[in-house]
Protein backbone atom coordinates (compact mmCIF):
# COMPACT_ATOMS: atom_id res chain seq x y z
CA MET A 1 -32.80 23.40 -6.78
CA LYS A 2 -32.51 22.70 -2.81
CA VAL A 3 -29.34 24.57 -1.46
CA MET A 4 -26.84 22.81 0.95
CA ALA A 5 -23.77 24.02 2.81
CA GLN A 6 -20.56 22.14 2.60
CA ILE A 7 -16.82 22.28 4.09
CA ALA A 8 -14.65 22.05 1.48
CA MET A 9 -10.52 22.17 1.30
CA VAL A 10 -8.06 22.89 -1.39
CA MET A 11 -4.69 21.78 -1.39
CA ASN A 12 -1.65 23.59 -3.40
CA LEU A 13 0.46 20.44 -4.37
CA ASP A 14 3.10 22.96 -5.66
CA LYS A 15 3.68 24.22 -1.94
CA CYS A 16 3.84 20.47 0.03
CA ILE A 17 7.30 19.67 0.60
CA GLY A 18 6.71 16.48 2.36
CA CYS A 19 7.28 17.47 6.09
CA HIS A 20 4.55 15.26 7.25
CA THR A 21 4.14 17.85 10.06
CA CYS A 22 0.27 17.43 9.17
CA SER A 23 0.07 13.89 9.73
CA VAL A 24 1.99 13.91 13.04
CA THR A 25 -0.01 16.59 14.23
CA CYS A 26 -3.31 14.97 13.14
CA LYS A 27 -2.15 11.93 15.18
CA GLN A 28 -1.24 13.40 18.08
CA ALA A 29 -4.79 15.12 18.29
CA TRP A 30 -6.91 12.05 16.89
CA THR A 31 -4.87 8.35 16.77
CA ASN A 32 -2.74 8.80 19.51
CA ARG A 33 -4.18 6.08 21.56
CA ALA A 34 -4.67 2.14 22.03
CA GLY A 35 -5.82 0.44 18.99
CA THR A 36 -5.52 3.35 16.41
CA GLU A 37 -1.49 2.83 15.89
CA TYR A 38 -1.78 2.02 12.53
CA VAL A 39 -4.58 4.53 11.79
CA TRP A 40 -3.32 7.61 10.07
CA PHE A 41 -6.37 9.95 8.99
CA ASN A 42 -3.78 12.59 7.59
CA ASN A 43 -1.25 10.68 5.49
CA VAL A 44 1.53 12.44 3.10
CA GLU A 45 2.29 9.79 -0.17
CA THR A 46 5.50 10.07 -2.41
CA ARG A 47 3.70 10.04 -6.40
CA PRO A 48 4.65 7.55 -7.98
CA GLY A 49 4.04 4.84 -5.45
CA GLN A 50 1.64 2.62 -4.21
CA GLY A 51 -0.02 4.88 -1.31
CA TYR A 52 -1.30 3.98 1.91
CA PRO A 53 -2.72 1.62 2.39
CA ARG A 54 -0.93 -0.02 -0.29
CA THR A 55 -2.70 0.02 -4.04
CA TYR A 56 -5.66 1.43 -2.43
CA GLU A 57 -6.51 2.90 -5.79
CA ASP A 58 -6.89 -0.69 -7.36
CA GLN A 59 -10.64 -0.57 -7.07
CA GLU A 60 -10.81 -4.09 -9.40
CA ARG A 61 -9.12 -5.37 -6.42
CA TRP A 62 -10.64 -3.22 -3.51
CA ARG A 63 -13.93 -2.68 -4.66
CA GLY A 64 -14.55 0.80 -3.77
CA GLY A 65 -16.82 3.22 -4.76
CA TRP A 66 -19.94 3.46 -7.48
CA ILE A 67 -20.30 2.02 -10.73
CA ARG A 68 -22.93 3.32 -13.24
CA ASP A 69 -24.88 0.12 -14.93
CA LYS A 70 -26.21 -0.08 -18.25
CA ARG A 71 -29.46 1.46 -17.22
CA GLY A 72 -27.88 4.80 -15.93
CA ARG A 73 -28.00 3.64 -12.53
CA LEU A 74 -25.34 4.29 -9.36
CA LEU A 75 -24.20 0.97 -7.80
CA LEU A 76 -21.93 0.14 -5.08
CA ARG A 77 -19.18 -1.45 -6.58
CA ASP A 78 -18.89 -3.70 -3.69
CA GLY A 79 -22.20 -4.83 -4.25
CA GLY A 80 -25.58 -4.00 -2.67
CA ARG A 81 -27.62 -5.97 0.38
CA LEU A 82 -27.87 -9.23 -0.64
CA SER A 83 -24.03 -9.24 -1.30
CA LYS A 84 -22.95 -7.99 1.79
CA LEU A 85 -25.63 -9.92 4.00
CA VAL A 86 -23.99 -13.25 2.18
CA ARG A 87 -20.32 -12.16 3.69
CA ILE A 88 -21.22 -9.76 6.42
CA PHE A 89 -19.17 -12.07 9.05
CA ALA A 90 -16.28 -12.38 6.63
CA ASN A 91 -15.21 -9.70 4.41
CA PRO A 92 -12.49 -10.60 2.25
CA LYS A 93 -12.45 -7.10 0.14
CA MET A 94 -10.80 -5.15 2.58
CA PRO A 95 -7.46 -4.52 3.31
CA GLY A 96 -5.11 -6.32 5.87
CA ILE A 97 -2.77 -5.33 8.34
CA GLU A 98 0.01 -6.14 5.74
CA ASP A 99 -1.33 -3.70 3.33
CA TYR A 100 -1.21 -0.85 6.18
CA TYR A 101 1.54 -1.70 8.63
CA GLU A 102 2.06 -3.99 11.38
CA PRO A 103 2.79 -1.40 14.08
CA TRP A 104 5.78 -1.78 16.58
CA THR A 105 7.84 0.05 19.51
CA TYR A 106 11.51 -1.10 20.58
CA ASP A 107 12.35 -3.33 23.07
CA TYR A 108 14.45 -0.38 24.98
CA ASP A 109 14.72 -2.49 28.16
CA ASN A 110 17.21 -4.65 26.06
CA LEU A 111 19.77 -1.82 26.07
CA ILE A 112 19.87 -1.64 29.72
CA SER A 113 19.48 -5.23 30.82
CA ALA A 114 21.68 -6.84 28.22
CA PRO A 115 24.51 -8.74 29.64
CA LEU A 116 28.19 -7.04 29.22
CA GLY A 117 29.47 -8.66 25.84
CA ASP A 118 31.37 -7.85 22.73
CA GLN A 119 28.83 -6.02 20.94
CA MET A 120 26.58 -3.30 21.72
CA PRO A 121 23.07 -3.86 22.75
CA VAL A 122 20.27 -2.98 20.15
CA ALA A 123 16.32 -2.10 20.83
CA PRO A 124 14.77 -4.52 18.63
CA PRO A 125 11.54 -3.87 17.23
CA ARG A 126 8.13 -5.55 18.33
CA SER A 127 4.70 -5.37 17.45
CA LEU A 128 2.38 -3.35 18.90
CA ILE A 129 -0.16 -5.90 18.54
CA SER A 130 1.18 -9.03 19.51
CA GLY A 131 4.20 -8.18 21.46
CA GLU A 132 6.18 -10.64 19.86
CA PRO A 133 9.82 -9.51 17.65
CA MET A 134 9.12 -8.54 14.03
CA THR A 135 11.09 -7.32 11.36
CA ILE A 136 10.03 -4.20 9.84
CA GLN A 137 8.80 -4.31 6.40
CA TRP A 138 6.65 -1.24 5.47
CA SER A 139 5.13 1.84 7.26
CA ALA A 140 2.81 4.63 6.35
CA ASN A 141 5.32 6.51 4.69
CA TRP A 142 7.54 4.06 2.87
CA ASP A 143 6.76 5.47 -0.55
CA ASP A 144 8.76 8.72 0.66
CA ASP A 145 11.75 6.51 1.73
CA LEU A 146 11.94 4.46 -1.85
CA GLY A 147 9.67 7.00 -3.90
CA GLY A 148 11.14 6.33 -7.71
CA SER A 149 12.49 3.43 -6.95
CA PRO A 150 11.58 0.24 -8.93
CA GLU A 151 10.84 -1.70 -6.28
CA ILE A 152 7.60 0.70 -5.72
CA VAL A 153 6.98 2.25 -8.39
CA PRO A 154 5.46 -0.38 -10.99
CA ASP A 155 2.83 -1.23 -8.62
CA ASP A 156 1.52 2.22 -8.79
CA PRO A 157 -2.28 1.61 -9.87
CA VAL A 158 -2.22 4.94 -11.73
CA LEU A 159 1.03 4.67 -13.39
CA LYS A 160 -0.16 1.21 -14.80
CA MET A 161 -2.94 2.15 -16.35
CA ILE A 162 -0.56 4.54 -18.88
CA SER A 163 2.26 2.24 -18.59
CA GLU A 164 1.88 1.59 -22.38
CA GLN A 165 2.06 4.97 -23.41
CA ILE A 166 5.39 6.09 -20.93
CA ARG A 167 8.44 4.11 -20.58
CA LEU A 168 9.44 4.75 -16.92
CA GLU A 169 13.09 5.06 -16.37
CA LEU A 170 14.40 6.03 -12.90
CA GLU A 171 16.32 9.04 -13.70
CA GLN A 172 12.82 10.48 -15.39
CA THR A 173 10.98 9.73 -12.63
CA PHE A 174 8.37 12.32 -11.63
CA MET A 175 8.12 12.77 -8.08
CA PHE A 176 5.42 14.86 -5.89
CA PHE A 177 3.83 14.78 -2.51
CA LEU A 178 0.14 14.32 -2.34
CA PRO A 179 -1.15 14.52 1.17
CA ARG A 180 -4.68 13.13 1.96
CA ILE A 181 -7.58 13.18 4.43
CA CYS A 182 -10.98 11.95 4.30
CA GLU A 183 -12.88 13.48 1.34
CA HIS A 184 -16.04 14.12 2.82
CA CYS A 185 -17.84 13.64 -0.53
CA LEU A 186 -21.32 14.78 -1.07
CA ASN A 187 -22.22 10.88 -2.54
CA PRO A 188 -20.27 9.00 0.05
CA SER A 189 -20.01 5.34 -0.80
CA CYS A 190 -18.78 4.76 2.70
CA VAL A 191 -22.11 5.86 4.28
CA ALA A 192 -24.06 3.65 1.89
CA SER A 193 -22.43 0.65 2.47
CA CYS A 194 -22.86 0.70 6.49
CA PRO A 195 -25.30 -2.05 7.50
CA SER A 196 -25.99 -0.25 10.72
CA GLY A 197 -26.39 3.31 9.20
CA ALA A 198 -23.39 4.42 11.68
CA LEU A 199 -21.83 6.66 9.10
CA TYR A 200 -23.94 9.55 8.01
CA LYS A 201 -23.09 13.02 6.39
CA ARG A 202 -24.02 16.05 8.68
CA SER A 203 -26.89 18.06 6.77
CA GLU A 204 -25.44 21.30 8.34
CA ASP A 205 -22.25 21.35 6.99
CA GLY A 206 -21.68 17.91 5.22
CA ILE A 207 -18.63 16.59 7.29
CA VAL A 208 -18.79 12.64 7.57
CA LEU A 209 -18.72 11.12 10.86
CA VAL A 210 -18.98 7.76 12.63
CA ASP A 211 -21.67 7.40 14.99
CA GLN A 212 -19.78 5.22 17.96
CA ASP A 213 -22.59 4.06 19.69
CA ARG A 214 -24.47 2.66 16.22
CA CYS A 215 -21.19 0.98 14.82
CA ARG A 216 -21.44 -2.66 15.01
CA GLY A 217 -17.70 -3.32 13.41
CA TRP A 218 -19.11 -4.83 10.24
CA ARG A 219 -16.05 -2.94 8.58
CA MET A 220 -18.34 -2.75 5.07
CA CYS A 221 -17.23 1.08 5.50
CA VAL A 222 -13.60 0.28 4.90
CA SER A 223 -14.42 -2.06 1.93
CA GLY A 224 -16.87 0.77 0.45
CA CYS A 225 -14.64 3.81 0.82
CA PRO A 226 -12.55 3.97 -2.46
CA TYR A 227 -9.77 6.48 -0.96
CA LYS A 228 -9.63 3.51 1.93
CA LYS A 229 -9.81 6.62 4.27
CA VAL A 230 -12.43 4.75 7.21
CA TYR A 231 -10.35 2.59 9.60
CA PHE A 232 -11.11 -0.18 12.18
CA ASN A 233 -9.93 0.40 15.74
CA HIS A 234 -8.92 -3.41 16.77
CA LYS A 235 -9.82 -2.36 20.51
CA THR A 236 -12.88 -0.80 20.45
CA GLY A 237 -14.45 -2.99 17.71
CA LYS A 238 -15.46 0.38 16.09
CA ALA A 239 -14.86 2.26 13.00
CA GLU A 240 -13.08 5.52 12.85
CA LYS A 241 -12.65 8.27 10.27
CA CYS A 242 -11.26 11.81 9.99
CA THR A 243 -13.77 13.92 11.48
CA LEU A 244 -12.68 17.20 9.68
CA CYS A 245 -11.78 18.58 13.05
CA TYR A 246 -15.50 19.28 13.99
CA PRO A 247 -14.99 20.90 17.27
CA ARG A 248 -12.79 23.17 15.68
CA VAL A 249 -14.40 23.86 12.76
CA GLU A 250 -17.57 24.55 14.39
CA VAL A 251 -15.88 27.50 16.00
CA GLY A 252 -14.29 28.85 12.96
CA LEU A 253 -10.95 27.25 13.45
CA PRO A 254 -9.03 25.43 10.97
CA THR A 255 -8.51 21.83 10.99
CA VAL A 256 -5.39 20.87 12.97
CA CYS A 257 -3.58 19.65 9.83
CA SER A 258 -4.01 22.93 8.26
CA GLU A 259 -3.08 25.03 11.18
CA THR A 260 0.36 23.40 11.47
CA CYS A 261 1.11 23.49 7.96
CA VAL A 262 4.06 24.14 7.24
CA GLY A 263 3.98 25.08 3.68
CA ARG A 264 0.56 26.84 3.77
CA LEU A 265 -0.90 24.76 0.81
CA ARG A 266 -4.17 24.34 2.68
CA TYR A 267 -7.23 26.20 1.91
CA ILE A 268 -10.91 25.70 3.91
CA GLY A 269 -14.08 27.64 2.84
CA LEU A 270 -17.82 26.85 2.53
CA LEU A 271 -19.41 25.82 -0.93
CA PHE A 272 -23.23 25.73 -1.72
CA TYR A 273 -24.38 23.00 -3.84
CA ASP A 274 -27.56 21.68 -5.24
CA VAL A 275 -28.32 18.85 -3.74
CA ASP A 276 -31.28 17.28 -6.16
CA ARG A 277 -28.58 17.01 -8.79
CA VAL A 278 -25.97 15.37 -6.44
CA THR A 279 -27.29 11.58 -8.18
CA GLU A 280 -27.67 13.26 -11.56
CA ALA A 281 -23.70 14.53 -11.55
CA ALA A 282 -22.45 11.11 -10.20
CA SER A 283 -24.53 9.16 -12.79
CA VAL A 284 -23.21 10.96 -15.87
CA PRO A 285 -21.93 8.14 -18.68
CA ASP A 286 -18.51 9.22 -19.13
CA ASP A 287 -15.88 8.94 -16.44
CA THR A 288 -13.87 12.23 -17.81
CA ASP A 289 -17.26 14.41 -17.75
CA LEU A 290 -17.60 13.76 -14.08
CA TYR A 291 -15.00 16.90 -13.14
CA GLU A 292 -17.34 19.30 -15.09
CA ALA A 293 -20.60 17.52 -13.60
CA GLN A 294 -19.42 18.03 -9.99
CA LYS A 295 -18.21 21.89 -10.71
CA SER A 296 -21.74 22.37 -12.05
CA ILE A 297 -23.46 21.57 -9.05
CA LEU A 298 -21.45 23.86 -6.96
CA LEU A 299 -23.89 26.84 -6.71
CA ASP A 300 -22.40 30.66 -7.23
CA PRO A 301 -23.11 32.42 -3.65
CA HIS A 302 -23.30 35.95 -5.26
CA ASP A 303 -26.54 34.43 -7.30
CA PRO A 304 -29.79 36.10 -5.95
CA GLU A 305 -31.70 32.81 -6.47
CA VAL A 306 -28.87 30.71 -4.43
CA ILE A 307 -28.77 33.09 -1.61
CA ALA A 308 -32.86 32.99 -1.60
CA GLY A 309 -32.47 29.08 -1.70
CA ALA A 310 -30.04 29.28 0.95
CA ARG A 311 -32.18 31.69 3.56
CA ALA A 312 -35.06 28.94 2.78
CA GLU A 313 -33.19 26.32 3.78
CA GLY A 314 -32.49 28.08 6.85
CA ILE A 315 -28.52 28.78 6.20
CA ALA A 316 -27.81 31.73 8.51
CA GLU A 317 -26.55 34.99 7.02
CA ASP A 318 -22.97 34.92 8.28
CA TRP A 319 -22.58 31.38 6.73
CA ILE A 320 -23.75 33.11 3.50
CA ALA A 321 -21.54 35.49 3.32
CA ALA A 322 -18.61 33.17 4.32
CA ALA A 323 -19.56 31.03 1.35
CA GLN A 324 -19.08 34.46 -0.81
CA ARG A 325 -15.47 34.95 0.68
CA SER A 326 -14.78 31.18 0.28
CA PRO A 327 -11.16 30.72 -1.33
CA VAL A 328 -12.15 27.14 -1.95
CA TYR A 329 -14.89 28.37 -4.39
CA ALA A 330 -12.98 31.21 -5.77
CA LEU A 331 -9.71 28.44 -6.69
CA ILE A 332 -12.62 25.77 -8.52
CA HIS A 333 -14.74 28.26 -10.38
CA THR A 334 -12.96 31.76 -10.55
CA TYR A 335 -9.98 30.26 -11.24
CA GLN A 336 -10.58 26.93 -12.17
CA VAL A 337 -7.11 25.60 -10.92
CA ALA A 338 -8.56 23.48 -8.52
CA LEU A 339 -9.16 19.39 -9.04
CA PRO A 340 -11.16 16.61 -7.45
CA LEU A 341 -8.84 13.48 -6.12
CA HIS A 342 -10.12 10.51 -8.58
CA PRO A 343 -14.16 12.01 -9.99
CA GLU A 344 -14.15 8.50 -11.47
CA TYR A 345 -15.26 6.78 -8.21
CA ARG A 346 -18.13 9.07 -8.45
CA THR A 347 -17.92 10.10 -4.80
CA MET A 348 -18.22 13.87 -5.37
CA PRO A 349 -15.23 14.31 -2.62
CA MET A 350 -14.85 17.39 -1.70
CA ILE A 351 -11.06 17.71 -1.00
CA TRP A 352 -9.73 19.16 -4.23
CA TYR A 353 -5.83 19.55 -5.38
CA ILE A 354 -4.21 22.21 -7.46
CA PRO A 355 -1.72 19.70 -9.33
CA PRO A 356 1.60 20.64 -9.18
CA LEU A 357 3.82 22.69 -11.82
CA SER A 358 7.26 23.32 -10.39
CA PRO A 359 8.47 19.89 -11.87
CA VAL A 360 7.62 21.34 -15.54
CA VAL A 361 9.35 24.85 -14.54
CA ASP A 362 12.07 22.70 -13.35
CA ALA A 363 12.30 20.51 -16.62
CA VAL A 364 12.79 23.68 -18.51
CA ALA A 365 15.56 25.50 -16.64
CA ARG A 366 17.12 22.04 -16.66
CA ASP A 367 18.06 22.53 -20.43
CA GLY A 368 19.10 25.81 -20.24
CA HIS A 369 16.09 28.09 -21.00
CA ASP A 370 14.30 30.53 -19.43
CA ALA A 371 12.01 28.45 -17.14
CA GLU A 372 9.60 31.59 -16.55
CA GLU A 373 9.12 32.74 -19.95
CA ILE A 374 5.45 31.64 -21.08
CA GLY A 375 6.55 30.44 -24.30
CA ASN A 376 8.79 27.62 -22.91
CA LEU A 377 6.28 27.16 -20.30
CA PHE A 378 3.46 26.17 -22.45
CA GLY A 379 5.88 24.37 -24.88
CA ALA A 380 7.09 22.08 -22.14
CA LEU A 381 3.45 21.33 -20.80
CA SER A 382 2.84 19.67 -23.93
CA ALA A 383 6.50 17.89 -24.44
CA LEU A 384 6.66 16.37 -20.87
CA ARG A 385 5.44 12.55 -20.74
CA ILE A 386 4.95 12.09 -17.55
CA PRO A 387 3.19 15.07 -15.49
CA MET A 388 0.28 15.41 -17.81
CA GLN A 389 -0.87 11.84 -17.89
CA TYR A 390 0.05 10.83 -14.86
CA LEU A 391 -2.03 14.03 -13.12
CA ALA A 392 -5.00 12.89 -15.52
CA GLY A 393 -4.82 9.60 -13.95
CA LEU A 394 -5.17 11.36 -10.19
CA PHE A 395 -7.15 13.94 -10.91
CA SER A 396 -9.50 13.92 -14.25
CA ALA A 397 -10.35 10.82 -14.79
CA GLY A 398 -7.85 10.32 -17.66
CA ASP A 399 -8.73 13.66 -19.35
CA THR A 400 -5.40 15.27 -19.92
CA ALA A 401 -7.07 18.46 -21.48
CA VAL A 402 -8.04 19.39 -18.12
CA ILE A 403 -4.82 19.39 -16.54
CA GLU A 404 -3.32 21.16 -19.42
CA ASN A 405 -5.76 23.89 -18.80
CA VAL A 406 -4.84 24.39 -15.31
CA LEU A 407 -1.07 23.94 -15.69
CA ARG A 408 -1.59 26.71 -18.35
CA ARG A 409 -3.09 29.16 -15.76
CA LEU A 410 -0.75 28.47 -13.48
CA ALA A 411 1.75 29.05 -15.90
CA ALA A 412 0.45 32.24 -17.06
CA MET A 413 0.47 33.39 -13.39
CA ARG A 414 4.18 32.58 -12.93
CA SER A 415 5.03 34.28 -16.13
CA TYR A 416 2.67 37.62 -15.75
CA MET A 417 3.54 38.40 -12.05
CA ARG A 418 7.24 38.08 -12.52
CA ASP A 419 7.38 40.76 -15.18
CA ILE A 420 5.83 42.59 -12.22
CA ASN A 421 7.90 41.74 -9.62
CA LEU A 422 10.71 42.88 -11.64
CA GLY A 423 9.28 46.29 -12.41
CA ARG A 424 8.86 45.56 -15.70
CA ALA A 425 5.70 46.44 -17.59
CA PRO A 426 2.93 43.43 -17.46
CA GLN A 427 2.06 41.74 -20.66
CA ALA A 428 -1.96 41.58 -20.86
CA HIS A 429 -1.74 38.93 -23.36
CA ILE A 430 -0.61 36.57 -21.08
CA PRO A 431 -3.79 36.24 -19.09
CA GLN A 432 -5.95 36.39 -22.05
CA SER A 433 -3.99 33.32 -23.49
CA VAL A 434 -5.86 31.32 -21.17
CA GLY A 435 -9.20 33.20 -20.57
CA MET A 436 -8.81 35.05 -17.71
CA THR A 437 -8.04 38.98 -16.86
CA GLU A 438 -5.13 40.84 -15.75
CA GLU A 439 -7.28 41.43 -12.44
CA GLN A 440 -7.94 38.02 -12.13
CA ILE A 441 -4.56 36.60 -12.65
CA TYR A 442 -2.99 38.97 -9.90
CA GLU A 443 -6.03 38.24 -7.31
CA MET A 444 -4.89 34.01 -7.93
CA TYR A 445 -1.29 34.83 -7.39
CA ARG A 446 -2.25 36.59 -4.09
CA LEU A 447 -4.28 34.09 -2.74
CA LEU A 448 -2.08 31.27 -3.56
CA ALA A 449 1.11 32.91 -2.53
CA LEU A 450 0.28 35.95 -0.16
CA ALA A 451 -3.19 35.13 1.04
CA LYS A 452 -3.54 36.07 5.17
CA TYR A 453 -4.86 33.62 7.74
CA GLU A 454 -8.26 34.76 7.66
CA GLU A 455 -7.81 34.60 3.85
CA ARG A 456 -6.96 31.28 3.33
CA TYR A 457 -9.72 29.93 6.12
CA VAL A 458 -13.21 31.47 5.95
CA ILE A 459 -15.36 29.11 8.47
CA PRO A 460 -18.49 30.12 9.66
CA THR A 461 -19.37 29.45 13.24
CA ALA A 462 -21.59 26.63 14.37
CA TYR A 463 -23.60 28.78 16.69
CA ALA A 464 -25.04 32.08 16.52
CA VAL A 465 -24.20 35.08 18.92
CA ASP A 466 -27.00 37.60 20.10
CA PRO A 467 -25.70 40.73 21.21
CA LEU A 468 -28.83 41.90 22.36
CA HIS A 469 -29.29 38.50 24.53
CA PRO A 470 -26.11 37.43 25.93
CA ILE A 471 -25.74 34.28 27.72
CA ASP A 472 -23.76 34.36 30.86
CA GLU A 473 -21.98 30.97 32.19
CA PRO A 474 -24.35 28.86 33.85
CA GLY A 475 -23.78 28.15 37.77
CA CYS A 476 -25.15 26.65 40.27
CA SER A 477 -26.55 29.41 43.25
CA LEU A 478 -24.87 27.49 45.89
CA SER A 479 -21.37 27.75 43.95
CA TYR A 480 -19.64 30.49 45.81
CA GLU A 481 -15.92 29.95 47.93
CA GLY A 482 -16.58 28.22 50.82
CA GLY A 483 -20.31 27.40 49.57
CA PRO A 484 -21.94 23.87 49.52
CA GLY A 485 -22.22 24.10 45.80
CA MET A 486 -22.47 20.64 43.75
CA TYR A 487 -19.86 21.54 41.37
CA GLU A 488 -16.45 23.56 41.16
CA SER A 489 -16.37 26.59 39.43
CA GLY A 490 -16.19 25.90 35.58
CA PRO A 491 -12.90 27.12 33.29
CA PHE A 492 -15.14 30.33 32.15
CA GLY A 493 -17.35 33.41 33.19
CA GLU A 494 -16.88 35.50 36.33
CA ALA A 495 -17.77 32.59 38.56
CA SER A 496 -14.82 30.76 37.44
CA GLY A 497 -12.70 29.22 40.77
CA ASP A 498 -9.38 27.50 40.26
CA SER A 499 -8.00 27.76 36.89
CA ILE A 500 -8.70 24.60 34.55
CA PRO A 501 -6.58 23.79 31.47
CA VAL A 502 -9.08 24.32 28.54
CA ALA A 503 -8.91 22.93 24.97
CA VAL A 504 -8.83 25.94 22.51
CA GLU A 505 -11.76 24.79 20.66
CA THR A 506 -13.75 25.14 24.14
CA PHE A 507 -12.15 28.89 24.55
CA HIS A 508 -13.13 30.06 21.18
CA ALA A 509 -16.50 28.26 21.56
CA LEU A 510 -17.54 30.02 24.97
CA HIS A 511 -15.41 33.20 24.83
CA GLN A 512 -18.23 35.11 23.74
CA ARG A 513 -20.50 34.10 26.59
CA GLN A 514 -19.16 36.56 29.34
CA THR A 515 -20.47 39.55 28.65
CA GLY A 516 -22.75 40.49 31.70
CA THR A 517 -21.52 42.49 34.76
CA GLY A 518 -22.67 40.23 37.53
CA MET A 519 -21.53 37.10 39.04
CA ALA A 520 -23.14 33.61 38.18
CA ALA A 521 -22.82 32.41 41.72
CA ASN A 522 -24.85 33.89 44.36
CA ALA A 523 -24.84 37.50 44.00
CA GLU A 524 -24.57 38.33 48.10
CA ARG A 525 -21.33 35.79 48.28
CA PRO A 526 -19.92 35.71 45.01
CA SER A 527 -16.88 33.49 44.09
CA ARG A 528 -13.28 34.48 43.54
CA VAL A 529 -12.71 36.23 40.40
CA ASN A 530 -10.19 34.17 38.30
CA LEU A 531 -8.21 36.66 35.87
CA LEU A 532 -6.49 33.38 34.10
CA ASN A 533 -10.09 32.82 32.74
CA TRP A 534 -11.57 36.20 32.45
CA ASP A 535 -11.92 37.39 29.24
CA GLY A 536 -12.32 41.11 29.99
CA ARG A 537 -15.87 41.82 28.84
CA GLY A 538 -17.96 41.78 31.97
CA VAL A 539 -16.27 43.83 35.23
CA PRO A 540 -17.84 41.53 38.20
CA GLU A 541 -18.22 42.98 41.41
CA GLY A 542 -14.52 43.27 43.43
CA MET A 543 -12.41 43.29 40.44
CA PHE A 544 -11.56 46.82 40.96
CA PRO A 545 -11.73 48.95 44.53
CA HIS A 546 -14.77 50.62 44.76
CA ASN A 547 -13.22 53.78 45.56
CA ASN A 548 -10.66 53.51 42.52
CA VAL A 549 -11.80 56.22 40.03
CA ARG A 550 -10.74 55.53 36.54
CA GLN A 551 -9.77 58.19 33.99
């Protein structure tokens, strides 16, 4: 057993309202520049729908992910090295701009410069790629506008797989929102597909990144990713993807999409997994066994053997403590309500989802029954057609038993907690009916409904702070007021000069470093003290008058 650490995320789809705040803030933080106009590291899809890019889940067409051959070996669905070499300069198995959308702006100058006339002038759309006038036909959120319509739903790849069992009628369409980011998989096919080795998985936390210096723009990673979360920047000629906001994660902050989520549906935590068993778990014969296989390689952080293995691999004690408090591990293993997205791709995704229960409750209430009574809820789970099979196509490779088990636990939690919230005696048989204790039901409810910020985001920092050997902000000995220093004073430390805007990630990374009482610049001729950047840890000379007597 070789223990490795992985930063992972769980999203509770019952809470997503489709506001796209996560998408907009991610766009502003990471892809608000030339060449990435069509790129959305985070997008929110309406289901049923085609997704973004369109029909990305149709692997017969796009050839992403892994397949298992007759000898039990894992092979890239898109082909090996020879296949990639043959078409390295022309790769047809890749979405075109029409599958994403052609980004546009509006010709606002036409509103100002249009001559007088009988009709009100308009701002016609123009392509951000060619600059030519265009007709808007699709966008990243098009499913959101047309979700459930007969024009969109029939092309949903997941719905096509179960169309023989479900007669889809417009008025009975089941709709929910599905936020998506890069899955940061344990067995990433994008990394295996890259001819230049530019994509890599960080050993310390499992985040998958692109080395921009090594990337040659072959775009095999775009084809190899079954989730189509690797994008091509047409200005730089490089591949780009979700970074899981690693500058924030390294200092213990959640991702931008998590920080700004209106519904508070995202949870981030640390997982331990056995890296020696990843290939074995991804190679199980039946797709329906992949969920249990993936769950089995996630290690119990409270197990003494796992703790010893983590220490042997150099994992810090604070990381072990973070893994033991991880909300992600609790939702996956302890409460068993989180599921991976499309495990049949065999990439071992690390972004998990809690399937929605709300439409089931609505369906019960619509018929005039008590929507929170446990008997009614359990009966509705097996009676409803679309949710069970459609959700199974997304999260359990078609195994409806897995989905039913999760929905039963969520339904039991609702019914059990309603009695408590109404001041009635709790019914112990409700948790027992789903294999849980009363304490586990209550703890799961608290995590899903009431958890505070520090409980939803348990993220260890990437640097160690040694209180016995504090490190002051480094400075040049010639840098002082009026001196010939080589550099301007930095934004942190007692030697800071003029105030400089600082990113929140930088502040959290460096605010522990100012611990000395002296000045970083020349001690005889110190620089000014900048109160805007002083964190209160040191008491630099000159901050307080010498005759000041503190009580």
